Amino acid sequence: SCSFAIKLPALRGRKIGPRKPAVLRGVPLGPCLEKWTVDYLSERGGHREVKIHVSSLPQMDFLHKNFVYRTLPFAEFVQRAAAVEHPEFFISKEPANLKKQFPDLAEDFHIPPFFQSDQFFSSVFRISSSGLQLWTHYDVMDNLLAQVSGRKRVVLYSPQDALHLYLSGDKSEVLDIDSPNLERYPDFVKACRYECVLEPGDLLYIPSLWFHNTLALQFGVGVNVFWRHLSMDSYDKKDPYGNKDPLAASRALQCVERALAGLEELPEDYQDFYARRMVQLIQSRAYAAQPTQPAQ
């Protein structure tokens, strides 16, 4: 097991090669690195309303919903999130396209050219209060997390460690990844943890299906850019957030559910035996031969 933190490599200006996580430095992001102060963002963003998550606790928990959804003017949201003393924790979370939502601010941010323009799905502000930690989850699209200001810790887990993360849908039930409840989640220690700290100007490439957990070490502003790396017809066209499993994967999971329901007609020892045969069949037909690790 890999219970220690492994620093991700820094790729200076190189194009993304294998679909493995990597921190990229030296990629020109535009004048946002100098311009995007709290005052500048408040002035340019103005009174346009944005949907946000607000919590009295720093560890946001999607499964148990320890936060509320609010709509605030962008300027007010930025100022409250940036406050040194804050009884509430804020993070922006909504599907977006910066060019349409905030055209003046979008001019300051240069989307790195790591994909074709027709693959683009969304560009989302990641603005969060200091201390805010977002639950561990995976996305079904490749994405780049650009850190414009502030520092952010990101912990990642390989898709091949999914069995150790106690999943509920696309999210892990293990909320406190630094001091997990091992009586409740004993296999969590088997998941290999990869960790990096993003500084202003850094980019983190997060391939689809890689689990990630973010912790804002300071008030920070970032942009998350998502794109479709599979064919367009692989995705649910009615999914505005881009977080539904690919259509083929959804169909396969539904088949498994039906198969398991069928096994319930049998005695318990038969269920156990044929479930093990199903697992063996899936492992032999679909498991990758080699574990995936971040780029070296």
C-alpha atoms as a PDB file:
ATOM      1  CA  SER A   1       0.000   0.000   0.000  1.00  0.00           C
ATOM      2  CA  CYS A   2       1.028   3.631  -0.499  1.00  0.00           C
ATOM      3  CA  SER A   3      -0.183   5.551   2.535  1.00  0.00           C
ATOM      4  CA  PHE A   4       2.413   8.303   2.125  1.00  0.00           C
ATOM      5  CA  ALA A   5       2.209  11.368  -0.101  1.00  0.00           C
ATOM      6  CA  ILE A   6       3.976  11.200  -3.468  1.00  0.00           C
ATOM      7  CA  LYS A   7       4.785  14.513  -5.097  1.00  0.00           C
ATOM      8  CA  LEU A   8       3.567  14.791  -8.662  1.00  0.00           C
ATOM      9  CA  PRO A   9       6.193  15.759 -11.240  1.00  0.00           C
ATOM     10  CA  ALA A  10       6.335  19.223 -12.763  1.00  0.00           C
ATOM     11  CA  LEU A  11       6.300  19.298 -16.552  1.00  0.00           C
ATOM     12  CA  ARG A  12       7.617  22.653 -17.720  1.00  0.00           C
ATOM     13  CA  GLY A  13       5.708  23.692 -20.785  1.00  0.00           C
ATOM     14  CA  ARG A  14       5.561  20.180 -22.223  1.00  0.00           C
ATOM     15  CA  LYS A  15       2.444  18.866 -23.877  1.00  0.00           C
ATOM     16  CA  ILE A  16       0.432  16.283 -22.031  1.00  0.00           C
ATOM     17  CA  GLY A  17       1.489  12.802 -23.063  1.00  0.00           C
ATOM     18  CA  PRO A  18      -0.024   9.690 -21.443  1.00  0.00           C
ATOM     19  CA  ARG A  19      -3.359  10.203 -19.714  1.00  0.00           C
ATOM     20  CA  LYS A  20      -1.822  10.403 -16.261  1.00  0.00           C
ATOM     21  CA  PRO A  21      -2.020  13.273 -13.727  1.00  0.00           C
ATOM     22  CA  ALA A  22       0.755  15.834 -13.940  1.00  0.00           C
ATOM     23  CA  VAL A  23       1.522  19.327 -12.654  1.00  0.00           C
ATOM     24  CA  LEU A  24       2.472  21.644 -15.503  1.00  0.00           C
ATOM     25  CA  ARG A  25       4.422  24.856 -14.988  1.00  0.00           C
ATOM     26  CA  GLY A  26       5.460  27.549 -17.403  1.00  0.00           C
ATOM     27  CA  VAL A  27       2.219  27.376 -19.413  1.00  0.00           C
ATOM     28  CA  PRO A  28       1.073  30.932 -20.290  1.00  0.00           C
ATOM     29  CA  LEU A  29      -2.294  31.584 -18.668  1.00  0.00           C
ATOM     30  CA  GLY A  30      -2.561  35.254 -19.613  1.00  0.00           C
ATOM     31  CA  PRO A  31      -2.822  38.476 -17.581  1.00  0.00           C
ATOM     32  CA  CYS A  32      -5.174  36.870 -15.030  1.00  0.00           C
ATOM     33  CA  LEU A  33      -2.134  36.037 -12.876  1.00  0.00           C
ATOM     34  CA  GLU A  34      -1.509  39.752 -12.301  1.00  0.00           C
ATOM     35  CA  LYS A  35      -4.989  41.184 -12.679  1.00  0.00           C
ATOM     36  CA  TRP A  36      -7.312  38.904 -10.729  1.00  0.00           C
ATOM     37  CA  THR A  37      -7.278  40.589  -7.340  1.00  0.00           C
ATOM     38  CA  VAL A  38     -10.399  40.604  -5.171  1.00  0.00           C
ATOM     39  CA  ASP A  39     -11.155  44.215  -6.124  1.00  0.00           C
ATOM     40  CA  TYR A  40     -10.639  43.587  -9.838  1.00  0.00           C
ATOM     41  CA  LEU A  41     -12.813  40.471  -9.855  1.00  0.00           C
ATOM     42  CA  SER A  42     -15.527  42.269  -7.884  1.00  0.00           C
ATOM     43  CA  GLU A  43     -15.511  45.216 -10.271  1.00  0.00           C
ATOM     44  CA  ARG A  44     -15.497  43.169 -13.479  1.00  0.00           C
ATOM     45  CA  GLY A  45     -17.832  40.443 -12.221  1.00  0.00           C
ATOM     46  CA  GLY A  46     -20.231  42.965 -10.756  1.00  0.00           C
ATOM     47  CA  HIS A  47     -23.742  42.008  -9.784  1.00  0.00           C
ATOM     48  CA  ARG A  48     -24.109  39.000 -12.041  1.00  0.00           C
ATOM     49  CA  GLU A  49     -25.626  36.246  -9.909  1.00  0.00           C
ATOM     50  CA  VAL A  50     -23.796  32.959  -9.374  1.00  0.00           C
ATOM     51  CA  LYS A  51     -24.817  29.705  -7.728  1.00  0.00           C
ATOM     52  CA  ILE A  52     -22.586  28.638  -4.855  1.00  0.00           C
ATOM     53  CA  HIS A  53     -22.274  26.144  -2.017  1.00  0.00           C
ATOM     54  CA  VAL A  54     -22.165  27.581   1.508  1.00  0.00           C
ATOM     55  CA  SER A  55     -21.278  25.614   4.645  1.00  0.00           C
ATOM     56  CA  SER A  56     -20.525  26.351   8.285  1.00  0.00           C
ATOM     57  CA  LEU A  57     -18.000  23.478   8.186  1.00  0.00           C
ATOM     58  CA  PRO A  58     -14.750  23.450   6.188  1.00  0.00           C
ATOM     59  CA  GLN A  59     -15.187  19.847   4.994  1.00  0.00           C
ATOM     60  CA  MET A  60     -18.039  19.866   2.516  1.00  0.00           C
ATOM     61  CA  ASP A  61     -19.929  16.577   2.403  1.00  0.00           C
ATOM     62  CA  PHE A  62     -22.049  16.010  -0.686  1.00  0.00           C
ATOM     63  CA  LEU A  63     -23.480  12.692   0.511  1.00  0.00           C
ATOM     64  CA  HIS A  64     -24.920  14.153   3.725  1.00  0.00           C
ATOM     65  CA  LYS A  65     -25.428  17.668   2.355  1.00  0.00           C
ATOM     66  CA  ASN A  66     -23.806  19.740   5.118  1.00  0.00           C
ATOM     67  CA  PHE A  67     -24.106  22.816   2.909  1.00  0.00           C
ATOM     68  CA  VAL A  68     -26.808  24.898   1.280  1.00  0.00           C
ATOM     69  CA  TYR A  69     -27.153  26.284  -2.219  1.00  0.00           C
ATOM     70  CA  ARG A  70     -27.293  30.036  -2.506  1.00  0.00           C
ATOM     71  CA  THR A  71     -27.351  32.598  -5.250  1.00  0.00           C
ATOM     72  CA  LEU A  72     -25.243  35.710  -4.667  1.00  0.00           C
ATOM     73  CA  PRO A  73     -23.987  38.625  -6.739  1.00  0.00           C
ATOM     74  CA  PHE A  74     -20.517  37.675  -7.969  1.00  0.00           C
ATOM     75  CA  ALA A  75     -18.849  40.662  -6.281  1.00  0.00           C
ATOM     76  CA  GLU A  76     -20.382  39.846  -2.889  1.00  0.00           C
ATOM     77  CA  PHE A  77     -19.453  36.183  -3.233  1.00  0.00           C
ATOM     78  CA  VAL A  78     -15.791  36.957  -3.987  1.00  0.00           C
ATOM     79  CA  GLN A  79     -15.497  39.422  -1.108  1.00  0.00           C
ATOM     80  CA  ARG A  80     -17.086  37.072   1.428  1.00  0.00           C
ATOM     81  CA  ALA A  81     -15.012  34.100   0.272  1.00  0.00           C
ATOM     82  CA  ALA A  82     -11.827  36.190   0.532  1.00  0.00           C
ATOM     83  CA  ALA A  83     -12.547  37.464   4.052  1.00  0.00           C
ATOM     84  CA  VAL A  84      -9.903  36.480   6.608  1.00  0.00           C
ATOM     85  CA  GLU A  85     -12.559  35.933   9.278  1.00  0.00           C
ATOM     86  CA  HIS A  86     -15.385  33.895   7.787  1.00  0.00           C
ATOM     87  CA  PRO A  87     -18.017  31.976   9.779  1.00  0.00           C
ATOM     88  CA  GLU A  88     -19.101  30.344   6.524  1.00  0.00           C
ATOM     89  CA  PHE A  89     -17.158  28.616   3.750  1.00  0.00           C
ATOM     90  CA  PHE A  90     -17.906  29.329   0.124  1.00  0.00           C
ATOM     91  CA  ILE A  91     -17.128  27.665  -3.190  1.00  0.00           C
ATOM     92  CA  SER A  92     -18.450  28.314  -6.675  1.00  0.00           C
ATOM     93  CA  LYS A  93     -19.921  25.210  -8.306  1.00  0.00           C
ATOM     94  CA  GLU A  94     -21.974  25.498 -11.467  1.00  0.00           C
ATOM     95  CA  PRO A  95     -21.651  24.555 -15.133  1.00  0.00           C
ATOM     96  CA  ALA A  96     -20.315  27.522 -17.048  1.00  0.00           C
ATOM     97  CA  ASN A  97     -18.483  28.979 -19.968  1.00  0.00           C
ATOM     98  CA  LEU A  98     -16.374  31.921 -18.841  1.00  0.00           C
ATOM     99  CA  LYS A  99     -16.574  33.546 -22.265  1.00  0.00           C
ATOM    100  CA  LYS A 100     -20.360  33.685 -22.041  1.00  0.00           C
ATOM    101  CA  GLN A 101     -20.797  34.220 -18.317  1.00  0.00           C
ATOM    102  CA  PHE A 102     -17.932  36.661 -17.675  1.00  0.00           C
ATOM    103  CA  PRO A 103     -16.644  37.853 -21.061  1.00  0.00           C
ATOM    104  CA  ASP A 104     -14.519  40.667 -19.572  1.00  0.00           C
ATOM    105  CA  LEU A 105     -12.750  38.301 -17.187  1.00  0.00           C
ATOM    106  CA  ALA A 106     -12.463  35.564 -19.812  1.00  0.00           C
ATOM    107  CA  GLU A 107     -10.223  37.843 -21.870  1.00  0.00           C
ATOM    108  CA  ASP A 108      -7.638  37.655 -19.064  1.00  0.00           C
ATOM    109  CA  PHE A 109      -7.504  33.849 -19.006  1.00  0.00           C
ATOM    110  CA  HIS A 110      -5.932  31.902 -21.859  1.00  0.00           C
ATOM    111  CA  ILE A 111      -7.221  28.338 -22.070  1.00  0.00           C
ATOM    112  CA  PRO A 112      -4.224  26.063 -22.701  1.00  0.00           C
ATOM    113  CA  PRO A 113      -4.451  24.460 -26.176  1.00  0.00           C
ATOM    114  CA  PHE A 114      -4.359  20.825 -25.066  1.00  0.00           C
ATOM    115  CA  PHE A 115      -7.504  19.782 -26.944  1.00  0.00           C
ATOM    116  CA  GLN A 116      -9.473  20.622 -30.082  1.00  0.00           C
ATOM    117  CA  SER A 117     -11.992  23.450 -29.854  1.00  0.00           C
ATOM    118  CA  ASP A 118     -14.935  21.152 -30.635  1.00  0.00           C
ATOM    119  CA  GLN A 119     -14.003  18.991 -27.618  1.00  0.00           C
ATOM    120  CA  PHE A 120     -14.528  21.874 -25.158  1.00  0.00           C
ATOM    121  CA  PHE A 121     -17.259  21.299 -22.576  1.00  0.00           C
ATOM    122  CA  SER A 122     -16.992  23.956 -19.861  1.00  0.00           C
ATOM    123  CA  SER A 123     -14.754  26.456 -18.088  1.00  0.00           C
ATOM    124  CA  VAL A 124     -15.711  26.878 -14.446  1.00  0.00           C
ATOM    125  CA  PHE A 125     -14.526  29.336 -11.789  1.00  0.00           C
ATOM    126  CA  ARG A 126     -13.060  27.601  -8.724  1.00  0.00           C
ATOM    127  CA  ILE A 127     -13.192  30.317  -6.075  1.00  0.00           C
ATOM    128  CA  SER A 128     -13.093  29.103  -2.487  1.00  0.00           C
ATOM    129  CA  SER A 129     -12.589  30.272   1.069  1.00  0.00           C
ATOM    130  CA  SER A 130      -9.374  29.430   2.866  1.00  0.00           C
ATOM    131  CA  GLY A 131      -9.635  26.063   4.597  1.00  0.00           C
ATOM    132  CA  LEU A 132     -12.439  24.694   2.445  1.00  0.00           C
ATOM    133  CA  GLN A 133     -12.089  21.014   1.528  1.00  0.00           C
ATOM    134  CA  LEU A 134     -14.104  19.441  -1.261  1.00  0.00           C
ATOM    135  CA  TRP A 135     -15.164  15.788  -1.152  1.00  0.00           C
ATOM    136  CA  THR A 136     -13.290  13.084  -3.055  1.00  0.00           C
ATOM    137  CA  HIS A 137     -14.898  12.384  -6.431  1.00  0.00           C
ATOM    138  CA  TYR A 138     -14.148  11.582 -10.055  1.00  0.00           C
ATOM    139  CA  ASP A 139     -15.163  13.316 -13.263  1.00  0.00           C
ATOM    140  CA  VAL A 140     -15.973  11.556 -16.526  1.00  0.00           C
ATOM    141  CA  MET A 141     -14.139  14.154 -18.617  1.00  0.00           C
ATOM    142  CA  ASP A 142     -10.482  15.120 -18.724  1.00  0.00           C
ATOM    143  CA  ASN A 143      -9.837  18.483 -17.115  1.00  0.00           C
ATOM    144  CA  LEU A 144      -7.203  21.049 -16.277  1.00  0.00           C
ATOM    145  CA  LEU A 145      -7.268  22.856 -12.932  1.00  0.00           C
ATOM    146  CA  ALA A 146      -5.508  26.202 -13.331  1.00  0.00           C
ATOM    147  CA  GLN A 147      -4.518  27.868 -10.065  1.00  0.00           C
ATOM    148  CA  VAL A 148      -4.528  31.636 -10.631  1.00  0.00           C
ATOM    149  CA  SER A 149      -4.112  32.855  -7.044  1.00  0.00           C
ATOM    150  CA  GLY A 150      -3.684  31.258  -3.631  1.00  0.00           C
ATOM    151  CA  ARG A 151      -2.358  27.791  -2.856  1.00  0.00           C
ATOM    152  CA  LYS A 152      -4.354  24.565  -3.052  1.00  0.00           C
ATOM    153  CA  ARG A 153      -3.545  21.025  -1.997  1.00  0.00           C
ATOM    154  CA  VAL A 154      -4.848  18.296  -4.264  1.00  0.00           C
ATOM    155  CA  VAL A 155      -4.867  14.612  -3.327  1.00  0.00           C
ATOM    156  CA  LEU A 156      -5.493  12.066  -6.071  1.00  0.00           C
ATOM    157  CA  TYR A 157      -6.270   8.366  -6.186  1.00  0.00           C
ATOM    158  CA  SER A 158      -6.037   6.083  -9.207  1.00  0.00           C
ATOM    159  CA  PRO A 159      -9.230   4.719 -10.782  1.00  0.00           C
ATOM    160  CA  GLN A 160      -7.786   1.281 -10.044  1.00  0.00           C
ATOM    161  CA  ASP A 161      -8.091   2.024  -6.319  1.00  0.00           C
ATOM    162  CA  ALA A 162     -11.857   2.497  -6.628  1.00  0.00           C
ATOM    163  CA  LEU A 163     -12.527  -0.651  -4.585  1.00  0.00           C
ATOM    164  CA  HIS A 164     -10.747   0.904  -1.589  1.00  0.00           C
ATOM    165  CA  LEU A 165     -12.544   4.262  -1.643  1.00  0.00           C
ATOM    166  CA  TYR A 166     -16.025   3.190  -0.492  1.00  0.00           C
ATOM    167  CA  LEU A 167     -17.903   4.748  -3.375  1.00  0.00           C
ATOM    168  CA  SER A 168     -21.417   6.069  -3.425  1.00  0.00           C
ATOM    169  CA  GLY A 169     -21.943   6.933  -7.068  1.00  0.00           C
ATOM    170  CA  ASP A 170     -19.043   9.111  -8.200  1.00  0.00           C
ATOM    171  CA  LYS A 171     -18.077  10.133  -4.634  1.00  0.00           C
ATOM    172  CA  SER A 172     -16.126   8.548  -1.794  1.00  0.00           C
ATOM    173  CA  GLU A 173     -17.824   8.084   1.562  1.00  0.00           C
ATOM    174  CA  VAL A 174     -14.479   8.758   3.301  1.00  0.00           C
ATOM    175  CA  LEU A 175     -14.800  12.443   4.131  1.00  0.00           C
ATOM    176  CA  ASP A 176     -11.674  12.914   6.262  1.00  0.00           C
ATOM    177  CA  ILE A 177      -8.899  11.518   4.086  1.00  0.00           C
ATOM    178  CA  ASP A 178      -6.167  12.707   6.485  1.00  0.00           C
ATOM    179  CA  SER A 179      -7.583  10.968   9.572  1.00  0.00           C
ATOM    180  CA  PRO A 180      -9.979   8.364   8.185  1.00  0.00           C
ATOM    181  CA  ASN A 181     -12.174   6.216  10.379  1.00  0.00           C
ATOM    182  CA  LEU A 182     -10.416   2.907   9.759  1.00  0.00           C
ATOM    183  CA  GLU A 183     -12.919   0.938  11.805  1.00  0.00           C
ATOM    184  CA  ARG A 184     -15.568   1.962   9.334  1.00  0.00           C
ATOM    185  CA  TYR A 185     -13.306   2.130   6.252  1.00  0.00           C
ATOM    186  CA  PRO A 186     -10.508  -0.416   6.887  1.00  0.00           C
ATOM    187  CA  ASP A 187      -9.536  -0.862   3.221  1.00  0.00           C
ATOM    188  CA  PHE A 188      -8.989   2.863   2.684  1.00  0.00           C
ATOM    189  CA  VAL A 189      -5.316   2.451   3.668  1.00  0.00           C
ATOM    190  CA  LYS A 190      -4.861   0.263   0.576  1.00  0.00           C
ATOM    191  CA  ALA A 191      -5.528   3.224  -1.722  1.00  0.00           C
ATOM    192  CA  CYS A 192      -2.312   4.863  -2.922  1.00  0.00           C
ATOM    193  CA  ARG A 193      -2.368   8.605  -2.261  1.00  0.00           C
ATOM    194  CA  TYR A 194      -0.751  11.083  -4.651  1.00  0.00           C
ATOM    195  CA  GLU A 195      -0.430  14.665  -3.456  1.00  0.00           C
ATOM    196  CA  CYS A 196       0.620  18.026  -4.856  1.00  0.00           C
ATOM    197  CA  VAL A 197       0.338  21.673  -3.817  1.00  0.00           C
ATOM    198  CA  LEU A 198      -0.619  24.064  -6.594  1.00  0.00           C
ATOM    199  CA  GLU A 199       0.982  27.512  -6.573  1.00  0.00           C
ATOM    200  CA  PRO A 200      -0.269  30.488  -8.615  1.00  0.00           C
ATOM    201  CA  GLY A 201       0.373  29.767 -12.283  1.00  0.00           C
ATOM    202  CA  ASP A 202       0.350  25.981 -11.892  1.00  0.00           C
ATOM    203  CA  LEU A 203      -1.843  23.661 -13.935  1.00  0.00           C
ATOM    204  CA  LEU A 204      -2.933  20.231 -12.777  1.00  0.00           C
ATOM    205  CA  TYR A 205      -3.997  17.799 -15.474  1.00  0.00           C
ATOM    206  CA  ILE A 206      -6.637  15.431 -14.049  1.00  0.00           C
ATOM    207  CA  PRO A 207      -7.570  12.608 -16.432  1.00  0.00           C
ATOM    208  CA  SER A 208     -11.124  11.367 -16.302  1.00  0.00           C
ATOM    209  CA  LEU A 209     -11.932   8.796 -13.605  1.00  0.00           C
ATOM    210  CA  TRP A 210      -9.033   9.892 -11.363  1.00  0.00           C
ATOM    211  CA  PHE A 211     -10.379  10.644  -7.891  1.00  0.00           C
ATOM    212  CA  HIS A 212      -9.401  14.004  -6.441  1.00  0.00           C
ATOM    213  CA  ASN A 213      -9.878  15.915  -3.199  1.00  0.00           C
ATOM    214  CA  THR A 214      -9.022  19.604  -2.911  1.00  0.00           C
ATOM    215  CA  LEU A 215      -8.115  21.710   0.122  1.00  0.00           C
ATOM    216  CA  ALA A 216      -7.757  25.495  -0.184  1.00  0.00           C
ATOM    217  CA  LEU A 217      -4.649  26.409   1.830  1.00  0.00           C
ATOM    218  CA  GLN A 218      -5.469  30.067   1.163  1.00  0.00           C
ATOM    219  CA  PHE A 219      -8.321  31.985  -0.426  1.00  0.00           C
ATOM    220  CA  GLY A 220      -7.873  31.072  -4.045  1.00  0.00           C
ATOM    221  CA  VAL A 221      -9.116  31.696  -7.536  1.00  0.00           C
ATOM    222  CA  GLY A 222      -8.800  29.074 -10.219  1.00  0.00           C
ATOM    223  CA  VAL A 223     -10.401  27.903 -13.433  1.00  0.00           C
ATOM    224  CA  ASN A 224     -11.371  24.323 -14.217  1.00  0.00           C
ATOM    225  CA  VAL A 225     -11.501  23.505 -17.931  1.00  0.00           C
ATOM    226  CA  PHE A 226     -13.267  20.311 -19.003  1.00  0.00           C
ATOM    227  CA  TRP A 227     -13.260  18.663 -22.406  1.00  0.00           C
ATOM    228  CA  ARG A 228     -14.655  15.531 -24.049  1.00  0.00           C
ATOM    229  CA  HIS A 229     -11.850  13.133 -24.895  1.00  0.00           C
ATOM    230  CA  LEU A 230     -14.240  10.370 -25.981  1.00  0.00           C
ATOM    231  CA  SER A 231     -16.469  10.648 -29.055  1.00  0.00           C
ATOM    232  CA  MET A 232     -19.366  13.059 -28.655  1.00  0.00           C
ATOM    233  CA  ASP A 233     -21.993  10.310 -28.749  1.00  0.00           C
ATOM    234  CA  SER A 234     -20.384   8.628 -25.714  1.00  0.00           C
ATOM    235  CA  TYR A 235     -21.826  11.274 -23.385  1.00  0.00           C
ATOM    236  CA  ASP A 236     -25.333  12.012 -22.162  1.00  0.00           C
ATOM    237  CA  LYS A 237     -26.474  15.067 -24.126  1.00  0.00           C
ATOM    238  CA  LYS A 238     -28.858  16.016 -21.285  1.00  0.00           C
ATOM    239  CA  ASP A 239     -26.055  16.304 -18.736  1.00  0.00           C
ATOM    240  CA  PRO A 240     -25.291  20.016 -18.131  1.00  0.00           C
ATOM    241  CA  TYR A 241     -22.721  19.302 -15.404  1.00  0.00           C
ATOM    242  CA  GLY A 242     -20.763  16.698 -17.330  1.00  0.00           C
ATOM    243  CA  ASN A 243     -20.699  14.272 -14.388  1.00  0.00           C
ATOM    244  CA  LYS A 244     -22.891  11.425 -15.633  1.00  0.00           C
ATOM    245  CA  ASP A 245     -21.122   8.214 -16.567  1.00  0.00           C
ATOM    246  CA  PRO A 246     -20.640   7.575 -20.301  1.00  0.00           C
ATOM    247  CA  LEU A 247     -23.714   5.989 -21.841  1.00  0.00           C
ATOM    248  CA  ALA A 248     -22.038   2.618 -22.444  1.00  0.00           C
ATOM    249  CA  ALA A 249     -20.837   2.523 -18.826  1.00  0.00           C
ATOM    250  CA  SER A 250     -24.323   3.369 -17.535  1.00  0.00           C
ATOM    251  CA  ARG A 251     -25.833   0.562 -19.585  1.00  0.00           C
ATOM    252  CA  ALA A 252     -23.210  -1.888 -18.308  1.00  0.00           C
ATOM    253  CA  LEU A 253     -23.853  -0.907 -14.671  1.00  0.00           C
ATOM    254  CA  GLN A 254     -27.589  -1.374 -15.210  1.00  0.00           C
ATOM    255  CA  CYS A 255     -26.920  -4.860 -16.591  1.00  0.00           C
ATOM    256  CA  VAL A 256     -24.912  -5.723 -13.480  1.00  0.00           C
ATOM    257  CA  GLU A 257     -27.773  -4.535 -11.265  1.00  0.00           C
ATOM    258  CA  ARG A 258     -30.214  -6.749 -13.184  1.00  0.00           C
ATOM    259  CA  ALA A 259     -27.830  -9.711 -12.975  1.00  0.00           C
ATOM    260  CA  LEU A 260     -27.482  -9.277  -9.207  1.00  0.00           C
ATOM    261  CA  ALA A 261     -31.247  -9.052  -8.857  1.00  0.00           C
ATOM    262  CA  GLY A 262     -31.478 -12.347 -10.743  1.00  0.00           C
ATOM    263  CA  LEU A 263     -29.093 -14.028  -8.328  1.00  0.00           C
ATOM    264  CA  GLU A 264     -31.425 -13.187  -5.442  1.00  0.00           C
ATOM    265  CA  GLU A 265     -33.751 -15.921  -6.684  1.00  0.00           C
ATOM    266  CA  LEU A 266     -31.134 -18.504  -5.653  1.00  0.00           C
ATOM    267  CA  PRO A 267     -30.126 -19.803  -2.196  1.00  0.00           C
ATOM    268  CA  GLU A 268     -27.378 -17.854  -0.443  1.00  0.00           C
ATOM    269  CA  ASP A 269     -24.583 -20.328  -1.205  1.00  0.00           C
ATOM    270  CA  TYR A 270     -25.496 -20.268  -4.905  1.00  0.00           C
ATOM    271  CA  GLN A 271     -25.551 -16.468  -4.865  1.00  0.00           C
ATOM    272  CA  ASP A 272     -22.065 -16.431  -3.373  1.00  0.00           C
ATOM    273  CA  PHE A 273     -20.699 -18.936  -5.899  1.00  0.00           C
ATOM    274  CA  TYR A 274     -22.094 -17.273  -9.017  1.00  0.00           C
ATOM    275  CA  ALA A 275     -21.224 -13.793  -7.769  1.00  0.00           C
ATOM    276  CA  ARG A 276     -17.602 -14.937  -7.507  1.00  0.00           C
ATOM    277  CA  ARG A 277     -17.805 -16.284 -11.054  1.00  0.00           C
ATOM    278  CA  MET A 278     -19.149 -12.925 -12.207  1.00  0.00           C
ATOM    279  CA  VAL A 279     -16.261 -11.122 -10.481  1.00  0.00           C
ATOM    280  CA  GLN A 280     -13.756 -13.495 -12.078  1.00  0.00           C
ATOM    281  CA  LEU A 281     -15.307 -12.933 -15.498  1.00  0.00           C
ATOM    282  CA  ILE A 282     -15.204  -9.149 -15.106  1.00  0.00           C
ATOM    283  CA  GLN A 283     -11.609  -9.237 -13.897  1.00  0.00           C
ATOM    284  CA  SER A 284     -10.436 -11.415 -16.777  1.00  0.00           C
ATOM    285  CA  ARG A 285     -12.282  -9.446 -19.448  1.00  0.00           C
ATOM    286  CA  ALA A 286     -12.112  -5.826 -18.317  1.00  0.00           C
ATOM    287  CA  TYR A 287      -9.381  -5.143 -15.744  1.00  0.00           C
ATOM    288  CA  ALA A 288      -6.280  -3.299 -16.977  1.00  0.00           C
ATOM    289  CA  ALA A 289      -3.058  -5.304 -16.905  1.00  0.00           C
ATOM    290  CA  GLN A 290      -0.895  -2.626 -15.279  1.00  0.00           C
ATOM    291  CA  PRO A 291      -1.773  -0.112 -12.530  1.00  0.00           C
ATOM    292  CA  THR A 292      -1.925   3.529 -13.603  1.00  0.00           C
ATOM    293  CA  GLN A 293       0.414   6.008 -11.908  1.00  0.00           C
ATOM    294  CA  PRO A 294       1.035   9.747 -12.375  1.00  0.00           C
ATOM    295  CA  ALA A 295       3.406  10.828 -15.147  1.00  0.00           C
ATOM    296  CA  GLN A 296       7.112  10.734 -14.392  1.00  0.00           C
END
